[in-house]
Amino acid sequence: MKIAILSRNPNLYSTRRLFEAIQQAGHEALIVNHSVCDLIIEQDGPSIIYKGEKLTDIDAIIPRVGASVTFYGTAVVRQFELMGAFSAVHSQAIVRSRDKLRSLQILSSAGLGMPKTAFTNFSKGGEKHIIEHVGGAPLIIKLLEGTQGLGVVLAETRKASQSVIEAFHGLKARIIVQEFIKEAKGADIRAFIVNGKVVGAMKRQGAEGEFRSNLHRGGRATIIKLSRAEKQAALSAAKALGLDVAGVDMLQSARGPLILEVNSSPGLEGIEKATGINIAGAIIKFIEEGVNKRPMKISSQ
């Protein structure tokens, strides 16, 4: 089997681990920089040109599409899908999860717990109402395009909240406002989902004085055993967004687990080092099952 990892950086931990896992399972591994693929669309069918050559006989792909290239990256994933390759993460699910507002709307419709969230159009004086919608300060303000904790602000007072919201609106930046969950104490949980199962979970604690728990911001990770409610919330969130491979971020609150975000390209380093679990291997097993279940193509010759 030939499996391609769609990644712009072959030196990233996640890319290297997936490459190793593919080879250890006895398959051919290939790293493809999706940002430099040319997509050919014609009557003869879709094809992909990479480094001057047409990519053929790709059985499966593992998308590692960064947020900054979501549009082009998902177009490449979709092209592979149309060419018959099995994708560990479906192109439409990536699009769905990358739109923070859309994903929260879907999770809300599915009845999943989450911090109360408000979104509004730019309007003079509107910042006062949006603050009230989430129960007042302190509150969290997030850029819809932010990643890895960037573009996330904790506003501790009503005056600070109004100032930050006014500043973002003045820049025409799209934001959401969320209630602050005090009892989480700067920590969150990431559950790693593969093929409808939680294959690993870790608790991430923010650095001293930091409300964001992202490992990129200096947070630390430890293994955690999920409660039944936390496991069910994580599985339901991934299912609602159509993701077979996902990292589901949750807060522990007095009213149960609250979904923060569902990541379609979750990093492997933090979860593997915290838990000691071979997450990359679990993804390859899922791909093997998926490829074997595909309907066989019947030749017309």
C-alpha atoms as a PDB file:
ATOM      1  CA  MET A   1       0.000   0.000   0.000  1.00  0.00           C
ATOM      2  CA  LYS A   2       1.252   3.514  -0.816  1.00  0.00           C
ATOM      3  CA  ILE A   3       0.313   6.126   1.796  1.00  0.00           C
ATOM      4  CA  ALA A   4       1.038   9.831   1.338  1.00  0.00           C
ATOM      5  CA  ILE A   5       1.383  12.257   4.231  1.00  0.00           C
ATOM      6  CA  LEU A   6       0.323  15.746   3.156  1.00  0.00           C
ATOM      7  CA  SER A   7       2.722  17.973   5.066  1.00  0.00           C
ATOM      8  CA  ARG A   8       4.699  21.131   4.306  1.00  0.00           C
ATOM      9  CA  ASN A   9       7.439  20.226   6.783  1.00  0.00           C
ATOM     10  CA  PRO A  10       8.962  16.722   6.754  1.00  0.00           C
ATOM     11  CA  ASN A  11      10.896  17.493   9.950  1.00  0.00           C
ATOM     12  CA  LEU A  12       7.855  17.987  12.177  1.00  0.00           C
ATOM     13  CA  TYR A  13       7.434  15.372  14.902  1.00  0.00           C
ATOM     14  CA  SER A  14       3.960  14.361  13.674  1.00  0.00           C
ATOM     15  CA  THR A  15       5.129  13.953  10.073  1.00  0.00           C
ATOM     16  CA  ARG A  16       8.170  11.900  11.084  1.00  0.00           C
ATOM     17  CA  ARG A  17       6.167   9.637  13.394  1.00  0.00           C
ATOM     18  CA  LEU A  18       3.538   8.944  10.767  1.00  0.00           C
ATOM     19  CA  PHE A  19       6.248   8.201   8.186  1.00  0.00           C
ATOM     20  CA  GLU A  20       7.883   5.722  10.605  1.00  0.00           C
ATOM     21  CA  ALA A  21       4.542   4.087  11.463  1.00  0.00           C
ATOM     22  CA  ILE A  22       3.698   3.591   7.788  1.00  0.00           C
ATOM     23  CA  GLN A  23       7.026   1.891   7.149  1.00  0.00           C
ATOM     24  CA  GLN A  24       6.805  -0.212  10.316  1.00  0.00           C
ATOM     25  CA  ALA A  25       3.432  -1.503   9.094  1.00  0.00           C
ATOM     26  CA  GLY A  26       5.098  -2.649   5.855  1.00  0.00           C
ATOM     27  CA  HIS A  27       3.726   0.056   3.561  1.00  0.00           C
ATOM     28  CA  GLU A  28       5.349   2.595   1.241  1.00  0.00           C
ATOM     29  CA  ALA A  29       5.482   6.078   2.775  1.00  0.00           C
ATOM     30  CA  LEU A  30       5.563   9.323   0.818  1.00  0.00           C
ATOM     31  CA  ILE A  31       5.607  12.922   2.056  1.00  0.00           C
ATOM     32  CA  VAL A  32       3.845  15.369  -0.263  1.00  0.00           C
ATOM     33  CA  ASN A  33       3.989  19.137   0.216  1.00  0.00           C
ATOM     34  CA  HIS A  34       0.364  19.922  -0.625  1.00  0.00           C
ATOM     35  CA  SER A  35       1.071  23.644  -0.997  1.00  0.00           C
ATOM     36  CA  VAL A  36       3.069  23.039  -4.210  1.00  0.00           C
ATOM     37  CA  CYS A  37       0.776  20.484  -5.830  1.00  0.00           C
ATOM     38  CA  ASP A  38      -0.862  21.433  -9.141  1.00  0.00           C
ATOM     39  CA  LEU A  39      -4.441  20.231  -9.560  1.00  0.00           C
ATOM     40  CA  ILE A  40      -5.471  19.260 -13.068  1.00  0.00           C
ATOM     41  CA  ILE A  41      -9.215  19.196 -13.742  1.00  0.00           C
ATOM     42  CA  GLU A  42     -10.326  17.961 -17.155  1.00  0.00           C
ATOM     43  CA  GLN A  43     -12.690  15.592 -18.928  1.00  0.00           C
ATOM     44  CA  ASP A  44     -10.308  12.674 -18.450  1.00  0.00           C
ATOM     45  CA  GLY A  45     -10.701  13.100 -14.698  1.00  0.00           C
ATOM     46  CA  PRO A  46      -8.828  14.801 -11.853  1.00  0.00           C
ATOM     47  CA  SER A  47      -5.067  14.425 -11.441  1.00  0.00           C
ATOM     48  CA  ILE A  48      -2.263  15.915  -9.350  1.00  0.00           C
ATOM     49  CA  ILE A  49       1.154  17.066 -10.562  1.00  0.00           C
ATOM     50  CA  TYR A  50       3.868  17.153  -7.890  1.00  0.00           C
ATOM     51  CA  LYS A  51       7.447  18.195  -8.636  1.00  0.00           C
ATOM     52  CA  GLY A  52       6.768  17.838 -12.345  1.00  0.00           C
ATOM     53  CA  GLU A  53       5.341  14.322 -12.157  1.00  0.00           C
ATOM     54  CA  LYS A  54       1.813  12.966 -11.961  1.00  0.00           C
ATOM     55  CA  LEU A  55       1.003  11.305  -8.642  1.00  0.00           C
ATOM     56  CA  THR A  56      -0.458   7.859  -9.229  1.00  0.00           C
ATOM     57  CA  ASP A  57      -1.332   4.725  -7.275  1.00  0.00           C
ATOM     58  CA  ILE A  58      -1.821   6.564  -3.962  1.00  0.00           C
ATOM     59  CA  ASP A  59      -3.986   4.273  -1.843  1.00  0.00           C
ATOM     60  CA  ALA A  60      -4.462   6.597   1.111  1.00  0.00           C
ATOM     61  CA  ILE A  61      -3.540  10.047   2.410  1.00  0.00           C
ATOM     62  CA  ILE A  62      -3.038  11.556   5.859  1.00  0.00           C
ATOM     63  CA  PRO A  63      -3.790  15.296   5.660  1.00  0.00           C
ATOM     64  CA  ARG A  64      -1.650  17.523   7.888  1.00  0.00           C
ATOM     65  CA  VAL A  65      -3.069  20.772   6.561  1.00  0.00           C
ATOM     66  CA  GLY A  66      -2.080  23.921   8.451  1.00  0.00           C
ATOM     67  CA  ALA A  67      -4.687  26.577   9.228  1.00  0.00           C
ATOM     68  CA  SER A  68      -2.959  29.173   7.021  1.00  0.00           C
ATOM     69  CA  VAL A  69      -3.425  27.033   3.890  1.00  0.00           C
ATOM     70  CA  THR A  70      -6.816  25.493   4.651  1.00  0.00           C
ATOM     71  CA  PHE A  71      -8.447  26.506   1.361  1.00  0.00           C
ATOM     72  CA  TYR A  72      -5.713  25.150  -0.918  1.00  0.00           C
ATOM     73  CA  GLY A  73      -4.887  22.214   1.330  1.00  0.00           C
ATOM     74  CA  THR A  74      -8.464  20.966   1.403  1.00  0.00           C
ATOM     75  CA  ALA A  75      -8.689  21.367  -2.377  1.00  0.00           C
ATOM     76  CA  VAL A  76      -5.715  18.983  -2.657  1.00  0.00           C
ATOM     77  CA  VAL A  77      -7.322  16.530  -0.214  1.00  0.00           C
ATOM     78  CA  ARG A  78     -10.567  16.661  -2.207  1.00  0.00           C
ATOM     79  CA  GLN A  79      -8.648  15.993  -5.429  1.00  0.00           C
ATOM     80  CA  PHE A  80      -7.064  12.873  -3.914  1.00  0.00           C
ATOM     81  CA  GLU A  81     -10.497  11.721  -2.724  1.00  0.00           C
ATOM     82  CA  LEU A  82     -11.932  12.155  -6.223  1.00  0.00           C
ATOM     83  CA  MET A  83      -9.002  10.115  -7.559  1.00  0.00           C
ATOM     84  CA  GLY A  84     -10.053   7.235  -5.292  1.00  0.00           C
ATOM     85  CA  ALA A  85      -7.599   7.641  -2.390  1.00  0.00           C
ATOM     86  CA  PHE A  86      -8.830   6.945   1.142  1.00  0.00           C
ATOM     87  CA  SER A  87      -8.362   9.982   3.386  1.00  0.00           C
ATOM     88  CA  ALA A  88      -7.821   9.643   7.133  1.00  0.00           C
ATOM     89  CA  VAL A  89      -9.642  12.977   7.472  1.00  0.00           C
ATOM     90  CA  HIS A  90     -12.283  13.918   4.904  1.00  0.00           C
ATOM     91  CA  SER A  91     -11.812  17.242   3.109  1.00  0.00           C
ATOM     92  CA  GLN A  92     -15.257  18.554   4.051  1.00  0.00           C
ATOM     93  CA  ALA A  93     -14.704  17.679   7.720  1.00  0.00           C
ATOM     94  CA  ILE A  94     -11.489  19.728   7.700  1.00  0.00           C
ATOM     95  CA  VAL A  95     -13.362  22.715   6.259  1.00  0.00           C
ATOM     96  CA  ARG A  96     -16.136  22.260   8.821  1.00  0.00           C
ATOM     97  CA  SER A  97     -13.774  22.111  11.806  1.00  0.00           C
ATOM     98  CA  ARG A  98     -11.529  24.988  10.682  1.00  0.00           C
ATOM     99  CA  ASP A  99     -14.413  27.429  10.691  1.00  0.00           C
ATOM    100  CA  LYS A 100     -14.590  28.019  14.460  1.00  0.00           C
ATOM    101  CA  LEU A 101     -17.980  29.671  14.362  1.00  0.00           C
ATOM    102  CA  ARG A 102     -19.513  27.004  12.120  1.00  0.00           C
ATOM    103  CA  SER A 103     -18.087  24.188  14.221  1.00  0.00           C
ATOM    104  CA  LEU A 104     -19.474  25.696  17.427  1.00  0.00           C
ATOM    105  CA  GLN A 105     -22.875  26.091  15.768  1.00  0.00           C
ATOM    106  CA  ILE A 106     -22.820  22.404  14.813  1.00  0.00           C
ATOM    107  CA  LEU A 107     -21.744  21.323  18.316  1.00  0.00           C
ATOM    108  CA  SER A 108     -24.465  23.485  19.855  1.00  0.00           C
ATOM    109  CA  SER A 109     -27.060  21.945  17.533  1.00  0.00           C
ATOM    110  CA  ALA A 110     -25.861  18.488  18.664  1.00  0.00           C
ATOM    111  CA  GLY A 111     -26.614  19.444  22.276  1.00  0.00           C
ATOM    112  CA  LEU A 112     -22.997  19.285  23.468  1.00  0.00           C
ATOM    113  CA  GLY A 113     -21.762  21.221  26.478  1.00  0.00           C
ATOM    114  CA  MET A 114     -19.621  24.265  25.712  1.00  0.00           C
ATOM    115  CA  PRO A 115     -18.770  27.657  27.191  1.00  0.00           C
ATOM    116  CA  LYS A 116     -21.569  30.106  26.367  1.00  0.00           C
ATOM    117  CA  THR A 117     -20.462  31.872  23.185  1.00  0.00           C
ATOM    118  CA  ALA A 118     -21.640  35.016  21.421  1.00  0.00           C
ATOM    119  CA  PHE A 119     -20.952  36.402  17.946  1.00  0.00           C
ATOM    120  CA  THR A 120     -22.201  39.679  16.531  1.00  0.00           C
ATOM    121  CA  ASN A 121     -21.780  41.919  13.527  1.00  0.00           C
ATOM    122  CA  PHE A 122     -19.870  45.182  13.829  1.00  0.00           C
ATOM    123  CA  SER A 123     -22.095  47.836  15.392  1.00  0.00           C
ATOM    124  CA  LYS A 124     -21.470  50.889  17.539  1.00  0.00           C
ATOM    125  CA  GLY A 125     -22.190  50.077  21.164  1.00  0.00           C
ATOM    126  CA  GLY A 126     -22.714  46.393  20.376  1.00  0.00           C
ATOM    127  CA  GLU A 127     -19.809  45.369  22.626  1.00  0.00           C
ATOM    128  CA  LYS A 128     -21.926  46.107  25.732  1.00  0.00           C
ATOM    129  CA  HIS A 129     -24.619  43.651  24.676  1.00  0.00           C
ATOM    130  CA  ILE A 130     -22.215  40.869  23.677  1.00  0.00           C
ATOM    131  CA  ILE A 131     -20.557  41.060  27.106  1.00  0.00           C
ATOM    132  CA  GLU A 132     -23.944  40.641  28.789  1.00  0.00           C
ATOM    133  CA  HIS A 133     -24.806  37.688  26.533  1.00  0.00           C
ATOM    134  CA  VAL A 134     -22.025  35.574  28.091  1.00  0.00           C
ATOM    135  CA  GLY A 135     -22.643  36.645  31.682  1.00  0.00           C
ATOM    136  CA  GLY A 136     -20.254  39.584  31.978  1.00  0.00           C
ATOM    137  CA  ALA A 137     -16.549  39.790  32.779  1.00  0.00           C
ATOM    138  CA  PRO A 138     -14.186  38.069  33.116  1.00  0.00           C
ATOM    139  CA  LEU A 139     -14.561  36.618  29.635  1.00  0.00           C
ATOM    140  CA  ILE A 140     -12.540  35.202  26.762  1.00  0.00           C
ATOM    141  CA  ILE A 141     -12.220  36.935  23.389  1.00  0.00           C
ATOM    142  CA  LYS A 142     -11.011  34.833  20.439  1.00  0.00           C
ATOM    143  CA  LEU A 143     -10.073  35.677  16.893  1.00  0.00           C
ATOM    144  CA  LEU A 144     -11.888  33.306  14.555  1.00  0.00           C
ATOM    145  CA  GLU A 145      -8.644  32.804  12.611  1.00  0.00           C
ATOM    146  CA  GLY A 146      -6.375  32.268  15.645  1.00  0.00           C
ATOM    147  CA  THR A 147      -4.446  29.016  16.257  1.00  0.00           C
ATOM    148  CA  GLN A 148      -2.252  27.511  19.018  1.00  0.00           C
ATOM    149  CA  GLY A 149      -3.509  30.042  21.572  1.00  0.00           C
ATOM    150  CA  LEU A 150      -2.685  33.083  19.427  1.00  0.00           C
ATOM    151  CA  GLY A 151      -5.473  35.633  19.159  1.00  0.00           C
ATOM    152  CA  VAL A 152      -7.008  34.584  22.502  1.00  0.00           C
ATOM    153  CA  VAL A 153      -7.438  37.258  25.174  1.00  0.00           C
ATOM    154  CA  LEU A 154      -8.662  37.072  28.774  1.00  0.00           C
ATOM    155  CA  ALA A 155     -10.442  40.298  29.669  1.00  0.00           C
ATOM    156  CA  GLU A 156     -10.841  40.440  33.439  1.00  0.00           C
ATOM    157  CA  THR A 157     -13.114  43.494  33.746  1.00  0.00           C
ATOM    158  CA  ARG A 158     -16.057  44.924  31.828  1.00  0.00           C
ATOM    159  CA  LYS A 159     -14.030  48.007  30.874  1.00  0.00           C
ATOM    160  CA  ALA A 160     -11.151  45.882  29.568  1.00  0.00           C
ATOM    161  CA  SER A 161     -13.629  43.685  27.687  1.00  0.00           C
ATOM    162  CA  GLN A 162     -15.192  46.683  25.953  1.00  0.00           C
ATOM    163  CA  SER A 163     -11.774  48.078  25.024  1.00  0.00           C
ATOM    164  CA  VAL A 164     -10.511  44.818  23.504  1.00  0.00           C
ATOM    165  CA  ILE A 165     -13.737  44.168  21.595  1.00  0.00           C
ATOM    166  CA  GLU A 166     -13.740  47.753  20.285  1.00  0.00           C
ATOM    167  CA  ALA A 167     -10.111  47.356  19.185  1.00  0.00           C
ATOM    168  CA  PHE A 168     -10.810  44.120  17.292  1.00  0.00           C
ATOM    169  CA  HIS A 169     -13.921  45.598  15.708  1.00  0.00           C
ATOM    170  CA  GLY A 170     -11.930  48.680  14.712  1.00  0.00           C
ATOM    171  CA  LEU A 171      -9.557  46.380  12.844  1.00  0.00           C
ATOM    172  CA  LYS A 172     -12.536  44.598  11.230  1.00  0.00           C
ATOM    173  CA  ALA A 173     -11.333  41.363  12.856  1.00  0.00           C
ATOM    174  CA  ARG A 174     -13.981  38.691  13.381  1.00  0.00           C
ATOM    175  CA  ILE A 175     -14.176  37.507  16.992  1.00  0.00           C
ATOM    176  CA  ILE A 176     -16.252  35.358  19.295  1.00  0.00           C
ATOM    177  CA  VAL A 177     -16.767  36.079  22.979  1.00  0.00           C
ATOM    178  CA  GLN A 178     -16.995  33.219  25.488  1.00  0.00           C
ATOM    179  CA  GLU A 179     -17.728  32.908  29.176  1.00  0.00           C
ATOM    180  CA  PHE A 180     -14.680  32.329  31.374  1.00  0.00           C
ATOM    181  CA  ILE A 181     -14.729  28.989  33.183  1.00  0.00           C
ATOM    182  CA  LYS A 182     -12.971  29.856  36.432  1.00  0.00           C
ATOM    183  CA  GLU A 183     -12.966  26.344  37.901  1.00  0.00           C
ATOM    184  CA  ALA A 184     -10.881  25.033  34.970  1.00  0.00           C
ATOM    185  CA  LYS A 185      -7.909  26.860  36.568  1.00  0.00           C
ATOM    186  CA  GLY A 186      -5.979  27.328  33.329  1.00  0.00           C
ATOM    187  CA  ALA A 187      -6.127  23.645  32.379  1.00  0.00           C
ATOM    188  CA  ASP A 188      -7.900  21.701  29.673  1.00  0.00           C
ATOM    189  CA  ILE A 189      -8.152  18.135  28.399  1.00  0.00           C
ATOM    190  CA  ARG A 190      -7.299  16.870  24.937  1.00  0.00           C
ATOM    191  CA  ALA A 191      -8.825  13.574  23.885  1.00  0.00           C
ATOM    192  CA  PHE A 192      -7.364  12.007  20.755  1.00  0.00           C
ATOM    193  CA  ILE A 193      -9.965  10.227  18.628  1.00  0.00           C
ATOM    194  CA  VAL A 194      -9.225   7.630  15.951  1.00  0.00           C
ATOM    195  CA  ASN A 195     -12.052   5.796  14.173  1.00  0.00           C
ATOM    196  CA  GLY A 196     -14.698   6.393  16.821  1.00  0.00           C
ATOM    197  CA  LYS A 197     -12.469   5.520  19.793  1.00  0.00           C
ATOM    198  CA  VAL A 198     -10.516   7.551  22.345  1.00  0.00           C
ATOM    199  CA  VAL A 199      -6.964   6.269  21.857  1.00  0.00           C
ATOM    200  CA  GLY A 200      -5.301   8.657  24.306  1.00  0.00           C
ATOM    201  CA  ALA A 201      -6.002  11.630  26.572  1.00  0.00           C
ATOM    202  CA  MET A 202      -3.901  14.218  28.359  1.00  0.00           C
ATOM    203  CA  LYS A 203      -4.461  17.128  30.696  1.00  0.00           C
ATOM    204  CA  ARG A 204      -2.699  20.341  29.720  1.00  0.00           C
ATOM    205  CA  GLN A 205      -1.907  22.868  32.447  1.00  0.00           C
ATOM    206  CA  GLY A 206      -1.021  26.424  31.536  1.00  0.00           C
ATOM    207  CA  ALA A 207       2.256  27.950  32.692  1.00  0.00           C
ATOM    208  CA  GLU A 208       2.279  30.053  35.857  1.00  0.00           C
ATOM    209  CA  GLY A 209       0.098  33.115  35.322  1.00  0.00           C
ATOM    210  CA  GLU A 210      -1.082  31.862  31.895  1.00  0.00           C
ATOM    211  CA  PHE A 211      -4.753  31.061  31.290  1.00  0.00           C
ATOM    212  CA  ARG A 212      -4.017  29.304  27.974  1.00  0.00           C
ATOM    213  CA  SER A 213      -2.976  25.677  28.306  1.00  0.00           C
ATOM    214  CA  ASN A 214      -1.449  25.256  24.828  1.00  0.00           C
ATOM    215  CA  LEU A 215       1.876  23.403  24.874  1.00  0.00           C
ATOM    216  CA  HIS A 216       3.170  25.990  22.376  1.00  0.00           C
ATOM    217  CA  ARG A 217       2.595  28.615  25.086  1.00  0.00           C
ATOM    218  CA  GLY A 218       4.658  26.758  27.689  1.00  0.00           C
ATOM    219  CA  GLY A 219       1.954  24.494  29.118  1.00  0.00           C
ATOM    220  CA  ARG A 220       2.745  20.992  30.400  1.00  0.00           C
ATOM    221  CA  ALA A 221       0.942  17.756  29.676  1.00  0.00           C
ATOM    222  CA  THR A 222       0.188  14.721  31.836  1.00  0.00           C
ATOM    223  CA  ILE A 223      -1.772  11.542  31.173  1.00  0.00           C
ATOM    224  CA  ILE A 224      -5.372  11.494  32.394  1.00  0.00           C
ATOM    225  CA  LYS A 225      -8.150   8.921  32.610  1.00  0.00           C
ATOM    226  CA  LEU A 226     -11.328  10.398  31.196  1.00  0.00           C
ATOM    227  CA  SER A 227     -14.640  10.147  32.992  1.00  0.00           C
ATOM    228  CA  ARG A 228     -17.502   8.484  31.137  1.00  0.00           C
ATOM    229  CA  ALA A 229     -19.048  11.900  30.467  1.00  0.00           C
ATOM    230  CA  GLU A 230     -15.765  13.308  29.113  1.00  0.00           C
ATOM    231  CA  LYS A 231     -15.216  10.327  26.824  1.00  0.00           C
ATOM    232  CA  GLN A 232     -18.772  10.542  25.479  1.00  0.00           C
ATOM    233  CA  ALA A 233     -18.493  14.301  24.913  1.00  0.00           C
ATOM    234  CA  ALA A 234     -15.262  13.884  22.958  1.00  0.00           C
ATOM    235  CA  LEU A 235     -16.652  11.091  20.774  1.00  0.00           C
ATOM    236  CA  SER A 236     -19.899  12.989  20.133  1.00  0.00           C
ATOM    237  CA  ALA A 237     -17.995  16.162  19.159  1.00  0.00           C
ATOM    238  CA  ALA A 238     -15.792  14.342  16.637  1.00  0.00           C
ATOM    239  CA  LYS A 239     -18.817  12.541  15.198  1.00  0.00           C
ATOM    240  CA  ALA A 240     -20.841  15.756  14.887  1.00  0.00           C
ATOM    241  CA  LEU A 241     -18.092  17.280  12.732  1.00  0.00           C
ATOM    242  CA  GLY A 242     -17.515  14.105  10.729  1.00  0.00           C
ATOM    243  CA  LEU A 243     -13.912  13.653  11.885  1.00  0.00           C
ATOM    244  CA  ASP A 244     -12.443  10.135  12.103  1.00  0.00           C
ATOM    245  CA  VAL A 245      -9.122  11.493  13.416  1.00  0.00           C
ATOM    246  CA  ALA A 246      -9.389  14.444  15.785  1.00  0.00           C
ATOM    247  CA  GLY A 247      -8.114  16.158  18.891  1.00  0.00           C
ATOM    248  CA  VAL A 248     -11.015  17.290  21.051  1.00  0.00           C
ATOM    249  CA  ASP A 249     -10.223  20.022  23.585  1.00  0.00           C
ATOM    250  CA  MET A 250     -12.456  20.245  26.657  1.00  0.00           C
ATOM    251  CA  LEU A 251     -12.684  22.120  29.933  1.00  0.00           C
ATOM    252  CA  GLN A 252     -13.640  20.483  33.219  1.00  0.00           C
ATOM    253  CA  SER A 253     -16.429  22.547  34.738  1.00  0.00           C
ATOM    254  CA  ALA A 254     -19.002  22.377  37.515  1.00  0.00           C
ATOM    255  CA  ARG A 255     -21.644  21.499  34.929  1.00  0.00           C
ATOM    256  CA  GLY A 256     -19.604  18.780  33.202  1.00  0.00           C
ATOM    257  CA  PRO A 257     -17.207  18.703  30.231  1.00  0.00           C
ATOM    258  CA  LEU A 258     -17.347  21.733  27.945  1.00  0.00           C
ATOM    259  CA  ILE A 259     -16.055  21.480  24.370  1.00  0.00           C
ATOM    260  CA  LEU A 260     -13.624  24.224  23.382  1.00  0.00           C
ATOM    261  CA  GLU A 261     -12.480  23.110  19.954  1.00  0.00           C
ATOM    262  CA  VAL A 262     -12.166  20.080  17.687  1.00  0.00           C
ATOM    263  CA  ASN A 263      -8.844  19.939  15.815  1.00  0.00           C
ATOM    264  CA  SER A 264      -8.680  18.116  12.475  1.00  0.00           C
ATOM    265  CA  SER A 265      -4.842  18.050  12.406  1.00  0.00           C
ATOM    266  CA  PRO A 266      -3.902  17.462  16.058  1.00  0.00           C
ATOM    267  CA  GLY A 267      -0.206  17.222  16.857  1.00  0.00           C
ATOM    268  CA  LEU A 268       1.159  13.862  17.984  1.00  0.00           C
ATOM    269  CA  GLU A 269       4.152  14.954  20.058  1.00  0.00           C
ATOM    270  CA  GLY A 270       2.369  16.113  23.197  1.00  0.00           C
ATOM    271  CA  ILE A 271      -0.099  13.225  23.365  1.00  0.00           C
ATOM    272  CA  GLU A 272       2.445  10.488  22.587  1.00  0.00           C
ATOM    273  CA  LYS A 273       5.000  11.784  25.093  1.00  0.00           C
ATOM    274  CA  ALA A 274       2.387  12.318  27.809  1.00  0.00           C
ATOM    275  CA  THR A 275       0.696   8.940  27.398  1.00  0.00           C
ATOM    276  CA  GLY A 276       3.393   6.690  25.883  1.00  0.00           C
ATOM    277  CA  ILE A 277       0.756   5.457  23.409  1.00  0.00           C
ATOM    278  CA  ASN A 278       1.585   4.804  19.760  1.00  0.00           C
ATOM    279  CA  ILE A 279      -1.005   7.196  18.317  1.00  0.00           C
ATOM    280  CA  ALA A 280       0.632   7.180  14.863  1.00  0.00           C
ATOM    281  CA  GLY A 281       0.292   3.391  14.728  1.00  0.00           C
ATOM    282  CA  ALA A 282      -3.413   3.629  15.583  1.00  0.00           C
ATOM    283  CA  ILE A 283      -3.939   6.013  12.659  1.00  0.00           C
ATOM    284  CA  ILE A 284      -2.211   3.599  10.248  1.00  0.00           C
ATOM    285  CA  LYS A 285      -4.397   0.702  11.480  1.00  0.00           C
ATOM    286  CA  PHE A 286      -7.476   2.831  10.823  1.00  0.00           C
ATOM    287  CA  ILE A 287      -6.240   3.555   7.289  1.00  0.00           C
ATOM    288  CA  GLU A 288      -5.624  -0.148   6.636  1.00  0.00           C
ATOM    289  CA  GLU A 289      -9.194  -0.936   7.680  1.00  0.00           C
ATOM    290  CA  GLY A 290     -10.566   1.927   5.609  1.00  0.00           C
ATOM    291  CA  VAL A 291      -8.708   0.972   2.449  1.00  0.00           C
ATOM    292  CA  ASN A 292      -9.758  -2.681   2.790  1.00  0.00           C
ATOM    293  CA  LYS A 293     -13.415  -1.678   3.132  1.00  0.00           C
ATOM    294  CA  ARG A 294     -13.426   0.420  -0.038  1.00  0.00           C
ATOM    295  CA  PRO A 295     -15.528  -1.000  -2.865  1.00  0.00           C
ATOM    296  CA  MET A 296     -13.304  -2.579  -5.503  1.00  0.00           C
ATOM    297  CA  LYS A 297     -13.060  -0.826  -8.842  1.00  0.00           C
ATOM    298  CA  ILE A 298     -14.382  -2.977 -11.686  1.00  0.00           C
ATOM    299  CA  SER A 299     -12.322  -2.706 -14.847  1.00  0.00           C
ATOM    300  CA  SER A 300     -14.227  -2.103 -18.078  1.00  0.00           C
ATOM    301  CA  GLN A 301     -11.553  -3.900 -20.110  1.00  0.00           C
END
